[in-house]
Amino acid sequence: MSGKGRTGAPAPVRLKKRAEFLAVRQGEKRRGPFFLLEVLTHRGDQPPRVGFTVTKKVGNAVVRNRVKRRLREAVRVHAAHDMALGTDYVIVGRQDCLAAPFEDLAGELSRRIAKPASRSTRDYPQADKHPGGARVRTPHANKP
């Protein structure tokens, strides 16, 4: 994933080190049906960086590699031109990524990269709040 993208913008560079992946976890999270997209903007005019990860909950190594290959191709073909300069992206693949038609996967990835997800209660669960804005504490059961 090097060279120039479709629009003349630099193509994304790969994230490779664990510390880079962990740093991006501190950024914004955009949840989708096929993946979780973590985004961190901080590096000025440098080309975008992207990393791919799939947890063991998704399946064995063969399944995880298939998910990563589909996500890499979706970024290469469709979403690379939507990535902003100086931004790091980590795409965490889900099991549904394998069953989805490629065009749906690529379109969803482009939408999530191009603009933030809407703030729905599903994406951002609300804590129980007191009408005055203070958080309500629930009492813990006494331990015997």
Protein backbone atom coordinates (compact mmCIF):
# COMPACT_ATOMS: atom_id res chain seq x y z
CA MET A 1 0.00 0.00 0.00
CA SER A 2 2.50 2.55 -1.07
CA GLY A 3 2.63 5.10 -3.85
CA LYS A 4 -0.20 7.44 -4.73
CA GLY A 5 -3.91 6.83 -4.29
CA ARG A 6 -6.65 7.56 -6.84
CA THR A 7 -6.84 11.25 -6.00
CA GLY A 8 -3.09 11.85 -5.93
CA ALA A 9 -3.01 11.72 -2.14
CA PRO A 10 -0.36 9.45 -0.64
CA ALA A 11 -1.50 5.86 -0.15
CA PRO A 12 -1.72 4.67 3.47
CA VAL A 13 1.31 3.19 5.18
CA ARG A 14 0.96 0.11 7.39
CA LEU A 15 1.03 0.20 11.17
CA LYS A 16 3.32 -2.62 12.32
CA LYS A 17 4.34 -2.10 15.93
CA ARG A 18 2.18 -2.99 18.90
CA ALA A 19 2.78 0.42 20.46
CA GLU A 20 1.31 2.10 17.37
CA PHE A 21 -1.83 -0.06 17.58
CA LEU A 22 -2.20 0.68 21.29
CA ALA A 23 -1.83 4.43 20.71
CA VAL A 24 -4.70 4.41 18.20
CA ARG A 25 -6.97 2.72 20.79
CA GLN A 26 -7.04 6.07 22.64
CA GLY A 27 -8.75 7.74 19.67
CA GLU A 28 -12.30 7.76 18.33
CA LYS A 29 -14.16 4.49 17.76
CA ARG A 30 -16.54 4.10 14.83
CA ARG A 31 -18.53 0.89 15.04
CA GLY A 32 -19.86 -0.84 11.96
CA PRO A 33 -21.58 -4.16 11.26
CA PHE A 34 -18.46 -5.75 9.74
CA PHE A 35 -15.65 -4.10 11.73
CA LEU A 36 -14.66 -1.60 14.39
CA LEU A 37 -12.69 1.39 13.12
CA GLU A 38 -10.39 3.18 15.57
CA VAL A 39 -9.17 6.61 14.44
CA LEU A 40 -6.48 8.88 15.88
CA THR A 41 -5.49 12.20 14.28
CA HIS A 42 -2.19 13.66 15.45
CA ARG A 43 0.62 13.67 12.92
CA GLY A 44 0.32 16.76 10.69
CA ASP A 45 0.95 16.32 6.95
CA GLN A 46 2.32 12.78 7.00
CA PRO A 47 0.54 10.09 4.95
CA PRO A 48 -2.24 8.14 6.68
CA ARG A 49 -1.35 4.88 8.42
CA VAL A 50 -3.58 1.82 8.68
CA GLY A 51 -3.40 -1.40 10.67
CA PHE A 52 -5.56 -4.51 10.62
CA THR A 53 -6.35 -6.86 13.46
CA VAL A 54 -8.77 -9.73 14.06
CA THR A 55 -9.27 -11.35 17.45
CA LYS A 56 -9.22 -15.08 18.11
CA LYS A 57 -12.95 -14.95 18.87
CA VAL A 58 -13.53 -14.65 15.10
CA GLY A 59 -12.00 -18.04 14.33
CA ASN A 60 -8.79 -19.93 13.67
CA ALA A 61 -5.78 -18.50 11.82
CA VAL A 62 -7.18 -19.33 8.38
CA VAL A 63 -10.43 -17.46 9.06
CA ARG A 64 -8.65 -14.49 10.65
CA ASN A 65 -6.31 -14.18 7.66
CA ARG A 66 -9.25 -14.28 5.24
CA VAL A 67 -10.92 -11.44 7.15
CA LYS A 68 -7.71 -9.37 7.08
CA ARG A 69 -7.21 -9.99 3.35
CA ARG A 70 -10.74 -8.79 2.57
CA LEU A 71 -10.26 -5.67 4.70
CA ARG A 72 -6.88 -4.88 3.12
CA GLU A 73 -8.35 -5.18 -0.36
CA ALA A 74 -11.33 -2.98 0.56
CA VAL A 75 -8.94 -0.29 1.80
CA ARG A 76 -6.71 -0.60 -1.27
CA VAL A 77 -9.52 -0.47 -3.81
CA HIS A 78 -12.15 1.79 -2.21
CA ALA A 79 -11.24 3.52 1.02
CA ALA A 80 -7.61 4.67 0.67
CA HIS A 81 -8.62 7.93 -1.00
CA ASP A 82 -10.96 8.78 1.91
CA MET A 83 -8.17 8.62 4.52
CA ALA A 84 -7.02 11.95 5.93
CA LEU A 85 -3.38 13.03 6.16
CA GLY A 86 -1.81 12.64 9.59
CA THR A 87 -4.41 10.11 10.73
CA ASP A 88 -3.92 6.57 12.00
CA TYR A 89 -6.61 3.93 11.45
CA VAL A 90 -6.93 0.48 13.01
CA ILE A 91 -9.57 -1.81 11.55
CA VAL A 92 -10.70 -4.63 13.84
CA GLY A 93 -12.43 -7.25 11.70
CA ARG A 94 -15.51 -9.20 12.74
CA GLN A 95 -16.89 -12.57 11.66
CA ASP A 96 -19.66 -10.97 9.55
CA CYS A 97 -16.97 -9.54 7.28
CA LEU A 98 -16.60 -12.93 5.57
CA ALA A 99 -20.28 -13.40 4.69
CA ALA A 100 -20.85 -9.84 3.47
CA PRO A 101 -20.73 -9.02 -0.25
CA PHE A 102 -17.46 -7.25 -1.03
CA GLU A 103 -19.20 -4.11 -2.34
CA ASP A 104 -21.16 -3.77 0.91
CA LEU A 105 -17.99 -4.21 2.96
CA ALA A 106 -16.04 -1.69 0.88
CA GLY A 107 -18.89 0.84 0.90
CA GLU A 108 -19.31 0.60 4.67
CA LEU A 109 -15.57 1.03 5.17
CA SER A 110 -15.49 4.13 2.93
CA ARG A 111 -18.45 5.64 4.81
CA ARG A 112 -16.88 5.02 8.23
CA ILE A 113 -13.53 6.45 7.17
CA ALA A 114 -14.94 9.49 5.36
CA LYS A 115 -17.03 10.77 8.28
CA PRO A 116 -17.66 9.87 11.90
CA ALA A 117 -20.51 7.56 12.78
CA SER A 118 -23.67 9.16 14.11
CA ARG A 119 -23.83 9.29 17.87
CA SER A 120 -26.59 6.82 18.56
CA THR A 121 -27.21 5.15 21.88
CA ARG A 122 -26.13 1.85 20.34
CA ASP A 123 -22.69 3.24 19.50
CA TYR A 124 -22.25 5.30 22.66
CA PRO A 125 -24.09 3.81 25.64
CA GLN A 126 -25.21 6.40 28.15
CA ALA A 127 -24.46 6.03 31.84
CA ASP A 128 -27.30 6.28 34.31
CA LYS A 129 -27.49 9.95 35.07
CA HIS A 130 -29.19 11.99 37.73
CA PRO A 131 -31.45 14.76 36.34
CA GLY A 132 -28.92 17.30 37.59
CA GLY A 133 -26.18 15.67 35.54
CA ALA A 134 -24.44 13.81 38.36
CA ARG A 135 -23.94 10.10 37.98
CA VAL A 136 -26.12 7.93 40.18
CA ARG A 137 -24.22 5.38 42.24
CA THR A 138 -25.81 2.06 42.76
CA PRO A 139 -25.18 0.42 46.14
CA HIS A 140 -23.16 -2.76 46.08
CA ALA A 141 -24.48 -5.86 47.77
CA ASN A 142 -22.81 -6.61 51.07
CA LYS A 143 -20.40 -9.51 50.85
CA PRO A 144 -20.81 -12.20 53.51
